[in-house]
């Protein structure tokens, strides 16, 4: 990414977050401690597109591993410890084409009879029920998805966000940012988030003034790389939570194996690598659709 592209996409993201309240996340970081006095938040970008069910299972496995580790630590120490933030990680990835629906929709219907599902039956995308908040949305190539798996209790934080689930005070599910225009035709097939008067856009669309490719033209080339946007976003995330953001691989490589925290970092790393391996095995040489098969 060139320097000229770097500043505008960050500005566009700030402007959109200010004007779109229902995408906002509110947190109260522990400002009594400096970032150096707290465990870092690790992050990792998964280079393989991840099927939604594999990503969901990965989140659940990490939450379970962290809950078990915290319980063992508490049993040894006799109380909660300041190391509960060890193992905090943000998963950054692209999903294979998938529509998901949250608890708000599931209270009314099942995924088998969901009216939005009928619109996408032949699009080439999957449809999944989830336990997150909110209604129907899309995830796919060209969209950055972030899953913060954070122990809120360790930082005295309160967090409320559409798309977040909290189990055993550890968050899962998360946020999504359309980086390229590729997700837009998929969004146009449904009423995303139940908002009839709102249309999805992307960072590329904001920067170029082109919301999507025309139906009869070659798809526009991406001007931003999802992995680069993911990495550039992390310092802002750390600033919001008053924590250092460190690549997970670096933490695993530098941790002393005798450190009590090393086990949880290594466990999280191995779970992520297992999910990436499973995704590569399932996808094989399959070429993922970059446009929906209907509504093109």
C-alpha atoms as a PDB file:
ATOM      1  CA  UNK A   1       0.000   0.000   0.000  1.00  0.00           C
ATOM      2  CA  UNK A   2       1.405   3.393  -0.908  1.00  0.00           C
ATOM      3  CA  UNK A   3       1.664   6.202   1.612  1.00  0.00           C
ATOM      4  CA  UNK A   4      -0.986   8.142  -0.315  1.00  0.00           C
ATOM      5  CA  UNK A   5      -3.493   5.346   0.245  1.00  0.00           C
ATOM      6  CA  UNK A   6      -2.577   4.805   3.885  1.00  0.00           C
ATOM      7  CA  UNK A   7      -3.845   8.058   5.385  1.00  0.00           C
ATOM      8  CA  UNK A   8      -7.128   8.360   3.375  1.00  0.00           C
ATOM      9  CA  UNK A   9      -8.421   4.892   4.317  1.00  0.00           C
ATOM     10  CA  UNK A  10      -7.816   5.616   7.995  1.00  0.00           C
ATOM     11  CA  UNK A  11      -9.613   8.955   7.652  1.00  0.00           C
ATOM     12  CA  UNK A  12     -12.518   7.267   5.857  1.00  0.00           C
ATOM     13  CA  UNK A  13     -12.772   4.697   8.631  1.00  0.00           C
ATOM     14  CA  UNK A  14     -12.864   7.407  11.297  1.00  0.00           C
ATOM     15  CA  UNK A  15     -15.558   9.345   9.437  1.00  0.00           C
ATOM     16  CA  UNK A  16     -17.704   6.263   8.960  1.00  0.00           C
ATOM     17  CA  UNK A  17     -17.377   5.229  12.617  1.00  0.00           C
ATOM     18  CA  UNK A  18     -18.495   8.695  13.709  1.00  0.00           C
ATOM     19  CA  UNK A  19     -21.544   8.811  11.448  1.00  0.00           C
ATOM     20  CA  UNK A  20     -22.755   5.219  11.880  1.00  0.00           C
ATOM     21  CA  UNK A  21     -23.628   4.750  15.525  1.00  0.00           C
ATOM     22  CA  UNK A  22     -25.000   1.241  15.200  1.00  0.00           C
ATOM     23  CA  UNK A  23     -21.560  -0.074  14.218  1.00  0.00           C
ATOM     24  CA  UNK A  24     -19.850   1.483  17.232  1.00  0.00           C
ATOM     25  CA  UNK A  25     -18.011  -0.259  20.040  1.00  0.00           C
ATOM     26  CA  UNK A  26     -17.755   1.325  23.493  1.00  0.00           C
ATOM     27  CA  UNK A  27     -15.102   0.283  25.964  1.00  0.00           C
ATOM     28  CA  UNK A  28     -13.671   1.485  29.231  1.00  0.00           C
ATOM     29  CA  UNK A  29      -9.992   0.467  29.297  1.00  0.00           C
ATOM     30  CA  UNK A  30      -7.978   0.112  32.459  1.00  0.00           C
ATOM     31  CA  UNK A  31      -6.145   3.443  32.410  1.00  0.00           C
ATOM     32  CA  UNK A  32      -4.738   2.923  35.923  1.00  0.00           C
ATOM     33  CA  UNK A  33      -2.064   0.692  34.371  1.00  0.00           C
ATOM     34  CA  UNK A  34       0.194   1.569  31.478  1.00  0.00           C
ATOM     35  CA  UNK A  35       0.252  -0.722  28.417  1.00  0.00           C
ATOM     36  CA  UNK A  36       3.643  -2.044  29.555  1.00  0.00           C
ATOM     37  CA  UNK A  37       2.135  -3.114  32.892  1.00  0.00           C
ATOM     38  CA  UNK A  38      -0.488  -5.297  31.221  1.00  0.00           C
ATOM     39  CA  UNK A  39      -0.273  -8.417  29.070  1.00  0.00           C
ATOM     40  CA  UNK A  40      -0.279  -7.594  25.347  1.00  0.00           C
ATOM     41  CA  UNK A  41      -3.178  -8.307  23.047  1.00  0.00           C
ATOM     42  CA  UNK A  42      -1.955 -10.651  20.349  1.00  0.00           C
ATOM     43  CA  UNK A  43      -3.217 -10.555  16.779  1.00  0.00           C
ATOM     44  CA  UNK A  44      -2.948 -12.905  13.848  1.00  0.00           C
ATOM     45  CA  UNK A  45      -4.097 -12.658  10.232  1.00  0.00           C
ATOM     46  CA  UNK A  46      -5.151 -16.036   8.824  1.00  0.00           C
ATOM     47  CA  UNK A  47      -3.921 -16.108   5.230  1.00  0.00           C
ATOM     48  CA  UNK A  48      -6.362 -18.815   4.099  1.00  0.00           C
ATOM     49  CA  UNK A  49     -10.040 -17.846   3.603  1.00  0.00           C
ATOM     50  CA  UNK A  50     -11.857 -19.496   6.503  1.00  0.00           C
ATOM     51  CA  UNK A  51     -15.228 -21.278   6.142  1.00  0.00           C
ATOM     52  CA  UNK A  52     -17.596 -19.817   8.697  1.00  0.00           C
ATOM     53  CA  UNK A  53     -18.106 -22.997  10.720  1.00  0.00           C
ATOM     54  CA  UNK A  54     -14.334 -23.471  11.101  1.00  0.00           C
ATOM     55  CA  UNK A  55     -13.953 -19.875  12.293  1.00  0.00           C
ATOM     56  CA  UNK A  56     -16.809 -20.281  14.759  1.00  0.00           C
ATOM     57  CA  UNK A  57     -15.354 -23.493  16.164  1.00  0.00           C
ATOM     58  CA  UNK A  58     -11.947 -21.822  16.491  1.00  0.00           C
ATOM     59  CA  UNK A  59     -13.447 -19.036  18.585  1.00  0.00           C
ATOM     60  CA  UNK A  60     -15.258 -21.492  20.829  1.00  0.00           C
ATOM     61  CA  UNK A  61     -12.123 -23.600  21.260  1.00  0.00           C
ATOM     62  CA  UNK A  62     -10.067 -20.554  22.265  1.00  0.00           C
ATOM     63  CA  UNK A  63     -12.732 -19.388  24.731  1.00  0.00           C
ATOM     64  CA  UNK A  64     -12.835 -22.886  26.264  1.00  0.00           C
ATOM     65  CA  UNK A  65      -9.042 -23.084  26.478  1.00  0.00           C
ATOM     66  CA  UNK A  66      -8.805 -19.694  28.138  1.00  0.00           C
ATOM     67  CA  UNK A  67     -11.620 -20.453  30.575  1.00  0.00           C
ATOM     68  CA  UNK A  68      -9.894 -23.692  31.590  1.00  0.00           C
ATOM     69  CA  UNK A  69      -6.508 -21.944  31.948  1.00  0.00           C
ATOM     70  CA  UNK A  70      -8.041 -19.171  34.080  1.00  0.00           C
ATOM     71  CA  UNK A  71      -9.733 -21.721  36.347  1.00  0.00           C
ATOM     72  CA  UNK A  72      -6.449 -23.560  36.889  1.00  0.00           C
ATOM     73  CA  UNK A  73      -4.663 -20.291  37.666  1.00  0.00           C
ATOM     74  CA  UNK A  74      -7.376 -19.324  40.141  1.00  0.00           C
ATOM     75  CA  UNK A  75      -7.178 -22.728  41.834  1.00  0.00           C
ATOM     76  CA  UNK A  76      -3.433 -22.315  42.339  1.00  0.00           C
ATOM     77  CA  UNK A  77      -3.500 -18.671  43.401  1.00  0.00           C
ATOM     78  CA  UNK A  78      -6.758 -18.855  45.349  1.00  0.00           C
ATOM     79  CA  UNK A  79      -8.040 -15.708  43.648  1.00  0.00           C
ATOM     80  CA  UNK A  80      -8.289 -14.018  40.257  1.00  0.00           C
ATOM     81  CA  UNK A  81      -4.871 -12.899  38.993  1.00  0.00           C
ATOM     82  CA  UNK A  82      -3.565  -9.933  37.052  1.00  0.00           C
ATOM     83  CA  UNK A  83      -2.537 -12.353  34.306  1.00  0.00           C
ATOM     84  CA  UNK A  84      -6.108 -13.047  33.179  1.00  0.00           C
ATOM     85  CA  UNK A  85      -5.421 -10.966  30.076  1.00  0.00           C
ATOM     86  CA  UNK A  86      -2.813 -13.479  28.983  1.00  0.00           C
ATOM     87  CA  UNK A  87      -4.203 -15.134  25.886  1.00  0.00           C
ATOM     88  CA  UNK A  88      -6.166 -12.094  24.693  1.00  0.00           C
ATOM     89  CA  UNK A  89      -6.097 -12.324  20.909  1.00  0.00           C
ATOM     90  CA  UNK A  90      -7.704 -10.717  17.865  1.00  0.00           C
ATOM     91  CA  UNK A  91      -8.286 -13.121  14.967  1.00  0.00           C
ATOM     92  CA  UNK A  92      -8.150 -11.315  11.616  1.00  0.00           C
ATOM     93  CA  UNK A  93      -9.365 -13.081   8.495  1.00  0.00           C
ATOM     94  CA  UNK A  94     -11.522 -13.290   5.395  1.00  0.00           C
ATOM     95  CA  UNK A  95     -14.388 -15.762   5.335  1.00  0.00           C
ATOM     96  CA  UNK A  96     -15.504 -17.812   2.365  1.00  0.00           C
ATOM     97  CA  UNK A  97     -18.834 -16.397   1.028  1.00  0.00           C
ATOM     98  CA  UNK A  98     -21.323 -16.678   3.897  1.00  0.00           C
ATOM     99  CA  UNK A  99     -24.510 -15.063   5.145  1.00  0.00           C
ATOM    100  CA  UNK A 100     -25.170 -15.182   8.884  1.00  0.00           C
ATOM    101  CA  UNK A 101     -28.121 -14.292  11.062  1.00  0.00           C
ATOM    102  CA  UNK A 102     -28.053 -13.397  14.763  1.00  0.00           C
ATOM    103  CA  UNK A 103     -30.204 -13.910  17.836  1.00  0.00           C
ATOM    104  CA  UNK A 104     -32.609 -11.123  16.925  1.00  0.00           C
ATOM    105  CA  UNK A 105     -33.709 -13.004  13.807  1.00  0.00           C
ATOM    106  CA  UNK A 106     -33.654 -16.429  15.447  1.00  0.00           C
ATOM    107  CA  UNK A 107     -36.294 -15.275  17.905  1.00  0.00           C
ATOM    108  CA  UNK A 108     -38.661 -14.948  14.960  1.00  0.00           C
ATOM    109  CA  UNK A 109     -37.749 -17.787  12.633  1.00  0.00           C
ATOM    110  CA  UNK A 110     -35.256 -20.543  11.850  1.00  0.00           C
ATOM    111  CA  UNK A 111     -32.532 -20.407   9.201  1.00  0.00           C
ATOM    112  CA  UNK A 112     -34.485 -22.992   7.174  1.00  0.00           C
ATOM    113  CA  UNK A 113     -37.402 -20.600   6.749  1.00  0.00           C
ATOM    114  CA  UNK A 114     -35.639 -17.232   6.935  1.00  0.00           C
ATOM    115  CA  UNK A 115     -36.968 -14.918   4.200  1.00  0.00           C
ATOM    116  CA  UNK A 116     -33.482 -13.598   3.420  1.00  0.00           C
ATOM    117  CA  UNK A 117     -32.192 -17.137   2.831  1.00  0.00           C
ATOM    118  CA  UNK A 118     -34.536 -17.562  -0.123  1.00  0.00           C
ATOM    119  CA  UNK A 119     -32.825 -14.619  -1.828  1.00  0.00           C
ATOM    120  CA  UNK A 120     -29.387 -16.211  -1.779  1.00  0.00           C
ATOM    121  CA  UNK A 121     -30.108 -19.912  -2.366  1.00  0.00           C
ATOM    122  CA  UNK A 122     -28.283 -20.013  -5.713  1.00  0.00           C
ATOM    123  CA  UNK A 123     -25.692 -17.315  -5.038  1.00  0.00           C
ATOM    124  CA  UNK A 124     -22.886 -19.694  -4.103  1.00  0.00           C
ATOM    125  CA  UNK A 125     -22.807 -18.594  -0.459  1.00  0.00           C
ATOM    126  CA  UNK A 126     -23.583 -20.526   2.712  1.00  0.00           C
ATOM    127  CA  UNK A 127     -26.170 -19.489   5.328  1.00  0.00           C
ATOM    128  CA  UNK A 128     -25.507 -19.898   9.073  1.00  0.00           C
ATOM    129  CA  UNK A 129     -27.364 -19.271  12.321  1.00  0.00           C
ATOM    130  CA  UNK A 130     -25.199 -17.674  15.018  1.00  0.00           C
ATOM    131  CA  UNK A 131     -25.430 -16.592  18.646  1.00  0.00           C
ATOM    132  CA  UNK A 132     -24.197 -13.060  17.999  1.00  0.00           C
ATOM    133  CA  UNK A 133     -26.439 -10.026  18.190  1.00  0.00           C
ATOM    134  CA  UNK A 134     -28.060  -8.391  15.185  1.00  0.00           C
ATOM    135  CA  UNK A 135     -29.675  -9.650  11.989  1.00  0.00           C
ATOM    136  CA  UNK A 136     -28.601 -10.897   8.564  1.00  0.00           C
ATOM    137  CA  UNK A 137     -25.223  -9.822   7.193  1.00  0.00           C
ATOM    138  CA  UNK A 138     -22.612 -11.057   4.731  1.00  0.00           C
ATOM    139  CA  UNK A 139     -18.983 -12.143   5.107  1.00  0.00           C
ATOM    140  CA  UNK A 140     -16.641 -12.968   2.242  1.00  0.00           C
ATOM    141  CA  UNK A 141     -13.569 -12.145   0.214  1.00  0.00           C
ATOM    142  CA  UNK A 142     -12.519  -8.502   0.291  1.00  0.00           C
ATOM    143  CA  UNK A 143     -13.937  -8.040   3.794  1.00  0.00           C
ATOM    144  CA  UNK A 144     -11.796  -7.914   6.925  1.00  0.00           C
ATOM    145  CA  UNK A 145     -13.380  -9.768   9.831  1.00  0.00           C
ATOM    146  CA  UNK A 146     -11.976  -9.305  13.319  1.00  0.00           C
ATOM    147  CA  UNK A 147     -12.800 -11.560  16.246  1.00  0.00           C
ATOM    148  CA  UNK A 148     -11.508 -10.061  19.539  1.00  0.00           C
ATOM    149  CA  UNK A 149     -11.325 -12.845  22.117  1.00  0.00           C
ATOM    150  CA  UNK A 150     -10.721 -10.796  25.252  1.00  0.00           C
ATOM    151  CA  UNK A 151     -11.100 -11.425  28.961  1.00  0.00           C
ATOM    152  CA  UNK A 152     -13.104  -8.354  29.949  1.00  0.00           C
ATOM    153  CA  UNK A 153     -12.724  -8.971  33.668  1.00  0.00           C
ATOM    154  CA  UNK A 154      -8.957  -8.599  33.574  1.00  0.00           C
ATOM    155  CA  UNK A 155      -9.170  -4.952  32.467  1.00  0.00           C
ATOM    156  CA  UNK A 156     -12.294  -3.740  34.229  1.00  0.00           C
ATOM    157  CA  UNK A 157     -13.802  -3.129  30.791  1.00  0.00           C
ATOM    158  CA  UNK A 158     -17.401  -2.967  29.700  1.00  0.00           C
ATOM    159  CA  UNK A 159     -17.970  -3.665  26.041  1.00  0.00           C
ATOM    160  CA  UNK A 160     -21.146  -3.472  23.977  1.00  0.00           C
ATOM    161  CA  UNK A 161     -21.191  -4.001  20.239  1.00  0.00           C
ATOM    162  CA  UNK A 162     -23.485  -5.438  17.601  1.00  0.00           C
ATOM    163  CA  UNK A 163     -22.057  -8.825  16.708  1.00  0.00           C
ATOM    164  CA  UNK A 164     -20.384  -9.525  20.055  1.00  0.00           C
ATOM    165  CA  UNK A 165     -21.075 -12.551  22.218  1.00  0.00           C
ATOM    166  CA  UNK A 166     -19.788 -12.831  25.806  1.00  0.00           C
ATOM    167  CA  UNK A 167     -19.383 -16.241  27.444  1.00  0.00           C
ATOM    168  CA  UNK A 168     -17.603 -16.717  30.762  1.00  0.00           C
ATOM    169  CA  UNK A 169     -16.789 -12.961  30.478  1.00  0.00           C
ATOM    170  CA  UNK A 170     -14.696 -13.692  27.353  1.00  0.00           C
ATOM    171  CA  UNK A 171     -15.784 -12.089  24.091  1.00  0.00           C
ATOM    172  CA  UNK A 172     -16.184 -13.786  20.725  1.00  0.00           C
ATOM    173  CA  UNK A 173     -17.686 -12.846  17.345  1.00  0.00           C
ATOM    174  CA  UNK A 174     -16.735  -9.306  16.399  1.00  0.00           C
ATOM    175  CA  UNK A 175     -16.513  -6.691  13.656  1.00  0.00           C
ATOM    176  CA  UNK A 176     -16.298  -6.588   9.866  1.00  0.00           C
ATOM    177  CA  UNK A 177     -14.988  -3.923   7.475  1.00  0.00           C
ATOM    178  CA  UNK A 178     -15.560  -4.034   3.730  1.00  0.00           C
ATOM    179  CA  UNK A 179     -12.100  -3.266   2.370  1.00  0.00           C
ATOM    180  CA  UNK A 180     -12.618  -3.849  -1.368  1.00  0.00           C
ATOM    181  CA  UNK A 181     -15.835  -3.569  -3.361  1.00  0.00           C
ATOM    182  CA  UNK A 182     -16.093  -7.367  -3.753  1.00  0.00           C
ATOM    183  CA  UNK A 183     -18.598  -7.845  -0.901  1.00  0.00           C
ATOM    184  CA  UNK A 184     -21.028  -5.199  -2.189  1.00  0.00           C
ATOM    185  CA  UNK A 185     -22.954  -7.278  -4.800  1.00  0.00           C
ATOM    186  CA  UNK A 186     -23.452  -9.945  -2.113  1.00  0.00           C
ATOM    187  CA  UNK A 187     -24.830  -7.362   0.315  1.00  0.00           C
ATOM    188  CA  UNK A 188     -27.205  -6.079  -2.352  1.00  0.00           C
ATOM    189  CA  UNK A 189     -28.981  -9.450  -2.447  1.00  0.00           C
ATOM    190  CA  UNK A 190     -30.326  -9.082   1.113  1.00  0.00           C
ATOM    191  CA  UNK A 191     -31.613  -6.474   3.531  1.00  0.00           C
ATOM    192  CA  UNK A 192     -28.470  -6.346   5.622  1.00  0.00           C
ATOM    193  CA  UNK A 193     -29.060  -5.840   9.356  1.00  0.00           C
ATOM    194  CA  UNK A 194     -32.758  -5.342   8.585  1.00  0.00           C
ATOM    195  CA  UNK A 195     -32.070  -1.778   7.399  1.00  0.00           C
ATOM    196  CA  UNK A 196     -34.091  -1.113   4.247  1.00  0.00           C
ATOM    197  CA  UNK A 197     -32.735   2.410   3.706  1.00  0.00           C
ATOM    198  CA  UNK A 198     -29.033   1.634   4.191  1.00  0.00           C
ATOM    199  CA  UNK A 199     -26.628   0.309   1.545  1.00  0.00           C
ATOM    200  CA  UNK A 200     -23.259  -1.234   2.273  1.00  0.00           C
ATOM    201  CA  UNK A 201     -20.123   0.410   0.950  1.00  0.00           C
ATOM    202  CA  UNK A 202     -16.381  -0.199   1.331  1.00  0.00           C
ATOM    203  CA  UNK A 203     -13.127   1.598   1.979  1.00  0.00           C
ATOM    204  CA  UNK A 204     -12.302   1.212  -1.719  1.00  0.00           C
ATOM    205  CA  UNK A 205     -15.688   2.703  -2.598  1.00  0.00           C
ATOM    206  CA  UNK A 206     -15.087   5.709  -0.343  1.00  0.00           C
ATOM    207  CA  UNK A 207     -11.635   6.285  -1.811  1.00  0.00           C
ATOM    208  CA  UNK A 208     -12.553   5.822  -5.493  1.00  0.00           C
ATOM    209  CA  UNK A 209     -16.158   6.970  -5.576  1.00  0.00           C
ATOM    210  CA  UNK A 210     -17.189   3.650  -7.145  1.00  0.00           C
ATOM    211  CA  UNK A 211     -19.511   1.652  -4.887  1.00  0.00           C
ATOM    212  CA  UNK A 212     -19.414  -1.484  -7.051  1.00  0.00           C
ATOM    213  CA  UNK A 213     -18.594  -2.723 -10.537  1.00  0.00           C
ATOM    214  CA  UNK A 214     -21.303  -2.520 -13.155  1.00  0.00           C
ATOM    215  CA  UNK A 215     -22.945  -5.845 -13.980  1.00  0.00           C
ATOM    216  CA  UNK A 216     -21.565  -6.021 -17.509  1.00  0.00           C
ATOM    217  CA  UNK A 217     -18.014  -4.871 -16.779  1.00  0.00           C
ATOM    218  CA  UNK A 218     -14.895  -6.538 -15.488  1.00  0.00           C
ATOM    219  CA  UNK A 219     -14.670  -6.346 -11.685  1.00  0.00           C
ATOM    220  CA  UNK A 220     -12.661  -3.357 -10.450  1.00  0.00           C
ATOM    221  CA  UNK A 221      -9.216  -4.208  -9.186  1.00  0.00           C
ATOM    222  CA  UNK A 222      -8.775  -3.829  -5.391  1.00  0.00           C
ATOM    223  CA  UNK A 223      -6.783  -0.755  -4.360  1.00  0.00           C
ATOM    224  CA  UNK A 224      -6.331  -1.951  -0.763  1.00  0.00           C
ATOM    225  CA  UNK A 225      -5.051  -5.267   0.567  1.00  0.00           C
ATOM    226  CA  UNK A 226      -7.116  -6.838   3.349  1.00  0.00           C
ATOM    227  CA  UNK A 227      -4.076  -8.129   5.260  1.00  0.00           C
ATOM    228  CA  UNK A 228      -2.422  -4.708   5.119  1.00  0.00           C
ATOM    229  CA  UNK A 229      -5.550  -2.957   6.412  1.00  0.00           C
ATOM    230  CA  UNK A 230      -5.757  -5.561   9.191  1.00  0.00           C
ATOM    231  CA  UNK A 231      -2.198  -4.838  10.332  1.00  0.00           C
ATOM    232  CA  UNK A 232      -2.635  -1.063  10.076  1.00  0.00           C
ATOM    233  CA  UNK A 233      -5.821  -1.225  12.157  1.00  0.00           C
ATOM    234  CA  UNK A 234      -4.212  -2.893  15.175  1.00  0.00           C
ATOM    235  CA  UNK A 235      -2.507   0.205  16.685  1.00  0.00           C
ATOM    236  CA  UNK A 236      -5.933   1.900  16.849  1.00  0.00           C
ATOM    237  CA  UNK A 237      -7.350  -1.160  18.576  1.00  0.00           C
ATOM    238  CA  UNK A 238      -4.521  -1.105  21.111  1.00  0.00           C
ATOM    239  CA  UNK A 239      -5.018   2.591  21.766  1.00  0.00           C
ATOM    240  CA  UNK A 240      -8.705   2.009  22.435  1.00  0.00           C
ATOM    241  CA  UNK A 241      -7.993  -0.749  24.967  1.00  0.00           C
ATOM    242  CA  UNK A 242      -4.805   0.793  26.423  1.00  0.00           C
ATOM    243  CA  UNK A 243      -2.846  -2.338  25.519  1.00  0.00           C
ATOM    244  CA  UNK A 244       0.159  -3.239  23.375  1.00  0.00           C
ATOM    245  CA  UNK A 245      -0.696  -5.050  20.134  1.00  0.00           C
ATOM    246  CA  UNK A 246       1.841  -7.753  19.258  1.00  0.00           C
ATOM    247  CA  UNK A 247       1.789 -10.398  16.492  1.00  0.00           C
ATOM    248  CA  UNK A 248       0.922 -13.729  18.091  1.00  0.00           C
ATOM    249  CA  UNK A 249       3.750 -15.529  16.314  1.00  0.00           C
ATOM    250  CA  UNK A 250       6.254 -13.138  17.888  1.00  0.00           C
ATOM    251  CA  UNK A 251       4.852 -13.774  21.379  1.00  0.00           C
ATOM    252  CA  UNK A 252       5.011 -17.546  20.941  1.00  0.00           C
ATOM    253  CA  UNK A 253       8.573 -17.374  19.607  1.00  0.00           C
ATOM    254  CA  UNK A 254       9.828 -15.098  22.391  1.00  0.00           C
ATOM    255  CA  UNK A 255       8.010 -16.554  25.419  1.00  0.00           C
ATOM    256  CA  UNK A 256      10.016 -18.517  27.980  1.00  0.00           C
ATOM    257  CA  UNK A 257       8.629 -22.053  28.104  1.00  0.00           C
ATOM    258  CA  UNK A 258       8.940 -21.904  31.913  1.00  0.00           C
ATOM    259  CA  UNK A 259       6.676 -18.846  32.079  1.00  0.00           C
ATOM    260  CA  UNK A 260       3.225 -19.808  33.362  1.00  0.00           C
ATOM    261  CA  UNK A 261       1.616 -17.750  30.588  1.00  0.00           C
ATOM    262  CA  UNK A 262       3.494 -19.554  27.820  1.00  0.00           C
ATOM    263  CA  UNK A 263       1.068 -22.484  27.866  1.00  0.00           C
ATOM    264  CA  UNK A 264      -2.017 -20.435  27.003  1.00  0.00           C
ATOM    265  CA  UNK A 265      -0.278 -18.500  24.211  1.00  0.00           C
ATOM    266  CA  UNK A 266       1.006 -21.747  22.713  1.00  0.00           C
ATOM    267  CA  UNK A 267      -2.431 -23.346  23.020  1.00  0.00           C
ATOM    268  CA  UNK A 268      -4.064 -20.432  21.169  1.00  0.00           C
ATOM    269  CA  UNK A 269      -1.370 -20.570  18.466  1.00  0.00           C
ATOM    270  CA  UNK A 270      -1.853 -24.303  17.927  1.00  0.00           C
ATOM    271  CA  UNK A 271      -5.637 -23.921  17.711  1.00  0.00           C
ATOM    272  CA  UNK A 272      -5.242 -21.238  15.024  1.00  0.00           C
ATOM    273  CA  UNK A 273      -2.774 -23.317  13.025  1.00  0.00           C
ATOM    274  CA  UNK A 274      -5.135 -26.283  13.230  1.00  0.00           C
ATOM    275  CA  UNK A 275      -8.017 -24.174  11.886  1.00  0.00           C
ATOM    276  CA  UNK A 276      -5.877 -22.888   8.999  1.00  0.00           C
ATOM    277  CA  UNK A 277      -4.848 -26.447   8.123  1.00  0.00           C
ATOM    278  CA  UNK A 278      -8.467 -27.626   8.196  1.00  0.00           C
ATOM    279  CA  UNK A 279      -9.547 -24.731   5.969  1.00  0.00           C
ATOM    280  CA  UNK A 280      -6.816 -25.421   3.391  1.00  0.00           C
ATOM    281  CA  UNK A 281      -7.720 -29.111   3.373  1.00  0.00           C
ATOM    282  CA  UNK A 282     -11.418 -28.428   2.836  1.00  0.00           C
ATOM    283  CA  UNK A 283     -10.966 -25.823   0.132  1.00  0.00           C
ATOM    284  CA  UNK A 284      -8.257 -27.709  -1.747  1.00  0.00           C
ATOM    285  CA  UNK A 285      -8.033 -26.288  -5.258  1.00  0.00           C
ATOM    286  CA  UNK A 286     -11.615 -24.965  -5.270  1.00  0.00           C
ATOM    287  CA  UNK A 287     -11.887 -21.468  -6.746  1.00  0.00           C
ATOM    288  CA  UNK A 288     -14.132 -19.387  -4.514  1.00  0.00           C
ATOM    289  CA  UNK A 289     -16.801 -17.253  -6.232  1.00  0.00           C
ATOM    290  CA  UNK A 290     -15.910 -13.575  -6.205  1.00  0.00           C
ATOM    291  CA  UNK A 291     -19.362 -12.521  -7.378  1.00  0.00           C
ATOM    292  CA  UNK A 292     -22.767 -14.016  -6.521  1.00  0.00           C
ATOM    293  CA  UNK A 293     -24.110 -16.426  -9.130  1.00  0.00           C
ATOM    294  CA  UNK A 294     -27.396 -14.569  -9.123  1.00  0.00           C
ATOM    295  CA  UNK A 295     -27.946 -10.840  -9.229  1.00  0.00           C
ATOM    296  CA  UNK A 296     -24.686 -10.357 -11.129  1.00  0.00           C
END
